[in-house]
PDB file of N, CA and C in Angstrom:
ATOM      1  N   MET A   1      -5.016 -14.127  12.085  1.00  0.00           N
ATOM      2  CA  MET A   1      -4.478 -14.214  10.740  1.00  0.00           C
ATOM      3  C   MET A   1      -2.984 -14.490  10.828  1.00  0.00           C
ATOM      4  N   ARG A   2      -2.518 -15.305   9.937  1.00  0.00           N
ATOM      5  CA  ARG A   2      -1.084 -15.590   9.860  1.00  0.00           C
ATOM      6  C   ARG A   2      -0.507 -14.775   8.723  1.00  0.00           C
ATOM      7  N   TRP A   3       0.403 -13.858   9.056  1.00  0.00           N
ATOM      8  CA  TRP A   3       1.030 -13.024   8.051  1.00  0.00           C
ATOM      9  C   TRP A   3       2.129 -13.790   7.352  1.00  0.00           C
ATOM     10  N   ARG A   4       2.208 -13.633   6.056  1.00  0.00           N
ATOM     11  CA  ARG A   4       3.327 -14.191   5.302  1.00  0.00           C
ATOM     12  C   ARG A   4       4.486 -13.225   5.466  1.00  0.00           C
ATOM     13  N   MET A   5       5.602 -13.728   5.860  1.00  0.00           N
ATOM     14  CA  MET A   5       6.750 -12.855   6.073  1.00  0.00           C
ATOM     15  C   MET A   5       7.589 -12.712   4.807  1.00  0.00           C
ATOM     16  N   ALA A   6       7.306 -13.498   3.796  1.00  0.00           N
ATOM     17  CA  ALA A   6       8.040 -13.384   2.532  1.00  0.00           C
ATOM     18  C   ALA A   6       7.132 -12.689   1.528  1.00  0.00           C
ATOM     19  N   GLY A   7       7.512 -11.519   1.092  1.00  0.00           N
ATOM     20  CA  GLY A   7       6.706 -10.796   0.124  1.00  0.00           C
ATOM     21  C   GLY A   7       5.748  -9.829   0.793  1.00  0.00           C
ATOM     22  N   GLU A   8       4.905  -9.228  -0.020  1.00  0.00           N
ATOM     23  CA  GLU A   8       3.962  -8.234   0.463  1.00  0.00           C
ATOM     24  C   GLU A   8       2.626  -8.874   0.807  1.00  0.00           C
ATOM     25  N   VAL A   9       1.924  -8.255   1.732  1.00  0.00           N
ATOM     26  CA  VAL A   9       0.603  -8.708   2.120  1.00  0.00           C
ATOM     27  C   VAL A   9      -0.400  -8.177   1.101  1.00  0.00           C
ATOM     28  N   GLU A  10      -1.316  -9.020   0.685  1.00  0.00           N
ATOM     29  CA  GLU A  10      -2.362  -8.594  -0.248  1.00  0.00           C
ATOM     30  C   GLU A  10      -3.332  -7.674   0.471  1.00  0.00           C
ATOM     31  N   LEU A  11      -3.948  -6.752  -0.266  1.00  0.00           N
ATOM     32  CA  LEU A  11      -4.883  -5.799   0.311  1.00  0.00           C
ATOM     33  C   LEU A  11      -6.045  -6.509   1.000  1.00  0.00           C
ATOM     34  N   ASP A  12      -6.577  -7.553   0.379  1.00  0.00           N
ATOM     35  CA  ASP A  12      -7.686  -8.285   0.991  1.00  0.00           C
ATOM     36  C   ASP A  12      -7.277  -8.904   2.326  1.00  0.00           C
ATOM     37  N   GLU A  13      -6.047  -9.416   2.405  1.00  0.00           N
ATOM     38  CA  GLU A  13      -5.556  -9.971   3.664  1.00  0.00           C
ATOM     39  C   GLU A  13      -5.436  -8.888   4.725  1.00  0.00           C
ATOM     40  N   LEU A  14      -4.908  -7.746   4.338  1.00  0.00           N
ATOM     41  CA  LEU A  14      -4.722  -6.640   5.269  1.00  0.00           C
ATOM     42  C   LEU A  14      -6.063  -6.127   5.784  1.00  0.00           C
ATOM     43  N   LEU A  15      -6.990  -5.858   4.876  1.00  0.00           N
ATOM     44  CA  LEU A  15      -8.284  -5.324   5.282  1.00  0.00           C
ATOM     45  C   LEU A  15      -9.139  -6.353   6.007  1.00  0.00           C
ATOM     46  N   GLY A  16      -8.857  -7.630   5.805  1.00  0.00           N
ATOM     47  CA  GLY A  16      -9.607  -8.694   6.467  1.00  0.00           C
ATOM     48  C   GLY A  16      -9.078  -9.045   7.849  1.00  0.00           C
ATOM     49  N   ASP A  17      -7.957  -8.479   8.233  1.00  0.00           N
ATOM     50  CA  ASP A  17      -7.356  -8.777   9.525  1.00  0.00           C
ATOM     51  C   ASP A  17      -8.201  -8.182  10.651  1.00  0.00           C
ATOM     52  N   ALA A  18      -8.369  -8.924  11.735  1.00  0.00           N
ATOM     53  CA  ALA A  18      -9.195  -8.475  12.860  1.00  0.00           C
ATOM     54  C   ALA A  18      -8.670  -7.176  13.475  1.00  0.00           C
ATOM     55  N   LEU A  19      -7.392  -6.936  13.436  1.00  0.00           N
ATOM     56  CA  LEU A  19      -6.823  -5.716  13.994  1.00  0.00           C
ATOM     57  C   LEU A  19      -7.202  -4.487  13.180  1.00  0.00           C
ATOM     58  N   MET A  20      -7.424  -4.673  11.881  1.00  0.00           N
ATOM     59  CA  MET A  20      -7.743  -3.535  11.019  1.00  0.00           C
ATOM     60  C   MET A  20      -9.137  -2.979  11.276  1.00  0.00           C
ATOM     61  N   VAL A  21     -10.065  -3.792  11.757  1.00  0.00           N
ATOM     62  CA  VAL A  21     -11.434  -3.331  11.987  1.00  0.00           C
ATOM     63  C   VAL A  21     -11.455  -2.145  12.958  1.00  0.00           C
ATOM     64  N   PRO A  22     -10.866  -2.256  14.159  1.00  0.00           N
ATOM     65  CA  PRO A  22     -10.889  -1.090  15.051  1.00  0.00           C
ATOM     66  C   PRO A  22     -10.023   0.073  14.548  1.00  0.00           C
ATOM     67  N   VAL A  23      -8.958  -0.234  13.824  1.00  0.00           N
ATOM     68  CA  VAL A  23      -8.101   0.836  13.294  1.00  0.00           C
ATOM     69  C   VAL A  23      -8.865   1.656  12.268  1.00  0.00           C
ATOM     70  N   VAL A  24      -9.513   0.983  11.336  1.00  0.00           N
ATOM     71  CA  VAL A  24     -10.273   1.670  10.294  1.00  0.00           C
ATOM     72  C   VAL A  24     -11.456   2.413  10.914  1.00  0.00           C
ATOM     73  N   ARG A  25     -12.133   1.761  11.852  1.00  0.00           N
ATOM     74  CA  ARG A  25     -13.285   2.394  12.496  1.00  0.00           C
ATOM     75  C   ARG A  25     -12.863   3.649  13.255  1.00  0.00           C
ATOM     76  N   SER A  26     -11.724   3.597  13.944  1.00  0.00           N
ATOM     77  CA  SER A  26     -11.271   4.765  14.701  1.00  0.00           C
ATOM     78  C   SER A  26     -10.907   5.934  13.778  1.00  0.00           C
ATOM     79  N   ALA A  27     -10.571   5.622  12.539  1.00  0.00           N
ATOM     80  CA  ALA A  27     -10.275   6.672  11.555  1.00  0.00           C
ATOM     81  C   ALA A  27     -11.547   7.242  10.947  1.00  0.00           C
ATOM     82  N   GLY A  28     -12.688   6.630  11.262  1.00  0.00           N
ATOM     83  CA  GLY A  28     -13.959   7.123  10.759  1.00  0.00           C
ATOM     84  C   GLY A  28     -14.239   6.753   9.318  1.00  0.00           C
ATOM     85  N   VAL A  29     -13.615   5.680   8.841  1.00  0.00           N
ATOM     86  CA  VAL A  29     -13.847   5.216   7.472  1.00  0.00           C
ATOM     87  C   VAL A  29     -14.176   3.733   7.497  1.00  0.00           C
ATOM     88  N   SER A  30     -14.565   3.208   6.366  1.00  0.00           N
ATOM     89  CA  SER A  30     -14.832   1.780   6.242  1.00  0.00           C
ATOM     90  C   SER A  30     -13.726   1.134   5.418  1.00  0.00           C
ATOM     91  N   THR A  31     -13.674  -0.177   5.434  1.00  0.00           N
ATOM     92  CA  THR A  31     -12.682  -0.867   4.605  1.00  0.00           C
ATOM     93  C   THR A  31     -12.953  -0.596   3.123  1.00  0.00           C
ATOM     94  N   ASP A  32     -14.234  -0.417   2.760  1.00  0.00           N
ATOM     95  CA  ASP A  32     -14.555  -0.066   1.371  1.00  0.00           C
ATOM     96  C   ASP A  32     -13.987   1.303   1.010  1.00  0.00           C
ATOM     97  N   ASP A  33     -14.048   2.254   1.958  1.00  0.00           N
ATOM     98  CA  ASP A  33     -13.464   3.578   1.727  1.00  0.00           C
ATOM     99  C   ASP A  33     -11.959   3.461   1.499  1.00  0.00           C
ATOM    100  N   VAL A  34     -11.288   2.672   2.330  1.00  0.00           N
ATOM    101  CA  VAL A  34      -9.835   2.495   2.203  1.00  0.00           C
ATOM    102  C   VAL A  34      -9.513   1.873   0.850  1.00  0.00           C
ATOM    103  N   ARG A  35     -10.266   0.856   0.472  1.00  0.00           N
ATOM    104  CA  ARG A  35     -10.046   0.184  -0.822  1.00  0.00           C
ATOM    105  C   ARG A  35     -10.220   1.170  -1.980  1.00  0.00           C
ATOM    106  N   ARG A  36     -11.278   1.982  -1.948  1.00  0.00           N
ATOM    107  CA  ARG A  36     -11.518   2.960  -3.014  1.00  0.00           C
ATOM    108  C   ARG A  36     -10.390   3.994  -3.074  1.00  0.00           C
ATOM    109  N   GLN A  37      -9.965   4.472  -1.917  1.00  0.00           N
ATOM    110  CA  GLN A  37      -8.904   5.482  -1.886  1.00  0.00           C
ATOM    111  C   GLN A  37      -7.588   4.916  -2.414  1.00  0.00           C
ATOM    112  N   LEU A  38      -7.258   3.687  -2.040  1.00  0.00           N
ATOM    113  CA  LEU A  38      -6.015   3.071  -2.521  1.00  0.00           C
ATOM    114  C   LEU A  38      -6.088   2.773  -4.013  1.00  0.00           C
ATOM    115  N   THR A  39      -7.256   2.373  -4.489  1.00  0.00           N
ATOM    116  CA  THR A  39      -7.435   2.125  -5.920  1.00  0.00           C
ATOM    117  C   THR A  39      -7.242   3.413  -6.711  1.00  0.00           C
ATOM    118  N   GLU A  40      -7.819   4.512  -6.217  1.00  0.00           N
ATOM    119  CA  GLU A  40      -7.665   5.805  -6.884  1.00  0.00           C
ATOM    120  C   GLU A  40      -6.210   6.257  -6.856  1.00  0.00           C
ATOM    121  N   LEU A  41      -5.542   6.084  -5.735  1.00  0.00           N
ATOM    122  CA  LEU A  41      -4.129   6.460  -5.627  1.00  0.00           C
ATOM    123  C   LEU A  41      -3.280   5.663  -6.612  1.00  0.00           C
ATOM    124  N   ALA A  42      -3.515   4.351  -6.689  1.00  0.00           N
ATOM    125  CA  ALA A  42      -2.765   3.518  -7.629  1.00  0.00           C
ATOM    126  C   ALA A  42      -3.011   3.961  -9.068  1.00  0.00           C
ATOM    127  N   ARG A  43      -4.255   4.330  -9.373  1.00  0.00           N
ATOM    128  CA  ARG A  43      -4.575   4.789 -10.727  1.00  0.00           C
ATOM    129  C   ARG A  43      -3.822   6.069 -11.046  1.00  0.00           C
ATOM    130  N   ARG A  44      -3.828   7.018 -10.094  1.00  0.00           N
ATOM    131  CA  ARG A  44      -3.126   8.287 -10.330  1.00  0.00           C
ATOM    132  C   ARG A  44      -1.626   8.092 -10.426  1.00  0.00           C
ATOM    133  N   LEU A  45      -1.061   7.253  -9.582  1.00  0.00           N
ATOM    134  CA  LEU A  45       0.384   7.023  -9.625  1.00  0.00           C
ATOM    135  C   LEU A  45       0.798   6.265 -10.872  1.00  0.00           C
ATOM    136  N   GLY A  46      -0.091   5.467 -11.418  1.00  0.00           N
ATOM    137  CA  GLY A  46       0.197   4.716 -12.623  1.00  0.00           C
ATOM    138  C   GLY A  46       0.380   5.594 -13.844  1.00  0.00           C
ATOM    139  N   HIS A  47      -0.147   6.814 -13.804  1.00  0.00           N
ATOM    140  CA  HIS A  47      -0.028   7.737 -14.934  1.00  0.00           C
ATOM    141  C   HIS A  47       1.290   8.492 -14.922  1.00  0.00           C
ATOM    142  N   ARG A  48       2.019   8.411 -13.851  1.00  0.00           N
ATOM    143  CA  ARG A  48       3.301   9.123 -13.781  1.00  0.00           C
ATOM    144  C   ARG A  48       4.379   8.333 -14.508  1.00  0.00           C
ATOM    145  N   ALA A  49       5.305   9.032 -15.075  1.00  0.00           N
ATOM    146  CA  ALA A  49       6.423   8.370 -15.756  1.00  0.00           C
ATOM    147  C   ALA A  49       7.368   7.793 -14.704  1.00  0.00           C
ATOM    148  N   ALA A  50       7.920   6.657 -14.996  1.00  0.00           N
ATOM    149  CA  ALA A  50       8.880   6.038 -14.089  1.00  0.00           C
ATOM    150  C   ALA A  50      10.173   6.847 -14.087  1.00  0.00           C
ATOM    151  N   PRO A  51      10.782   7.024 -12.929  1.00  0.00           N
ATOM    152  CA  PRO A  51      12.042   7.772 -12.889  1.00  0.00           C
ATOM    153  C   PRO A  51      13.137   7.000 -13.610  1.00  0.00           C
ATOM    154  N   SER A  52      14.069   7.726 -14.214  1.00  0.00           N
ATOM    155  CA  SER A  52      15.145   7.068 -14.946  1.00  0.00           C
ATOM    156  C   SER A  52      16.183   6.490 -13.990  1.00  0.00           C
ATOM    157  N   ALA A  53      16.249   7.023 -12.785  1.00  0.00           N
ATOM    158  CA  ALA A  53      17.184   6.503 -11.793  1.00  0.00           C
ATOM    159  C   ALA A  53      16.597   6.725 -10.409  1.00  0.00           C
ATOM    160  N   VAL A  54      16.909   5.829  -9.505  1.00  0.00           N
ATOM    161  CA  VAL A  54      16.453   5.923  -8.122  1.00  0.00           C
ATOM    162  C   VAL A  54      17.685   5.932  -7.238  1.00  0.00           C
ATOM    163  N   PHE A  55      17.655   6.766  -6.210  1.00  0.00           N
ATOM    164  CA  PHE A  55      18.776   6.840  -5.292  1.00  0.00           C
ATOM    165  C   PHE A  55      18.377   6.257  -3.949  1.00  0.00           C
ATOM    166  N   THR A  56      19.269   5.484  -3.341  1.00  0.00           N
ATOM    167  CA  THR A  56      19.009   4.910  -2.033  1.00  0.00           C
ATOM    168  C   THR A  56      19.324   5.944  -0.960  1.00  0.00           C
ATOM    169  N   LEU A  57      19.022   5.610   0.277  1.00  0.00           N
ATOM    170  CA  LEU A  57      19.321   6.516   1.386  1.00  0.00           C
ATOM    171  C   LEU A  57      20.822   6.752   1.525  1.00  0.00           C
ATOM    172  N   ARG A  58      21.630   5.835   1.048  1.00  0.00           N
ATOM    173  CA  ARG A  58      23.084   5.986   1.115  1.00  0.00           C
ATOM    174  C   ARG A  58      23.632   6.736  -0.087  1.00  0.00           C
ATOM    175  N   GLY A  59      22.760   7.152  -0.989  1.00  0.00           N
ATOM    176  CA  GLY A  59      23.188   7.897  -2.154  1.00  0.00           C
ATOM    177  C   GLY A  59      23.606   7.030  -3.319  1.00  0.00           C
ATOM    178  N   GLU A  60      23.413   5.723  -3.218  1.00  0.00           N
ATOM    179  CA  GLU A  60      23.790   4.841  -4.327  1.00  0.00           C
ATOM    180  C   GLU A  60      22.744   4.986  -5.430  1.00  0.00           C
ATOM    181  N   ARG A  61      23.207   4.978  -6.642  1.00  0.00           N
ATOM    182  CA  ARG A  61      22.282   5.129  -7.776  1.00  0.00           C
ATOM    183  C   ARG A  61      21.860   3.761  -8.265  1.00  0.00           C
ATOM    184  N   LEU A  62      20.556   3.570  -8.373  1.00  0.00           N
ATOM    185  CA  LEU A  62      19.992   2.338  -8.909  1.00  0.00           C
ATOM    186  C   LEU A  62      19.308   2.677 -10.218  1.00  0.00           C
ATOM    187  N   THR A  63      19.539   1.895 -11.240  1.00  0.00           N
ATOM    188  CA  THR A  63      18.889   2.129 -12.512  1.00  0.00           C
ATOM    189  C   THR A  63      17.995   0.929 -12.816  1.00  0.00           C
ATOM    190  N   PRO A  64      16.850   1.197 -13.424  1.00  0.00           N
ATOM    191  CA  PRO A  64      15.930   0.091 -13.734  1.00  0.00           C
ATOM    192  C   PRO A  64      16.469  -0.816 -14.818  1.00  0.00           C
TER     193      PRO A  64
END
């Protein structure tokens, strides 16, 4: 698989990568399990209110 270095990798690309098969298998789960867990996590995180300000590791304040 050729990874795109600009932007984020799509979940389907990540789970379809040949390297992910042994990684997921060694964790004792399937790619479907990973997809379901990430979908549930995204759903739960989507219900949280967005923070009014975010701080970087250097302490700089970023506002949306």
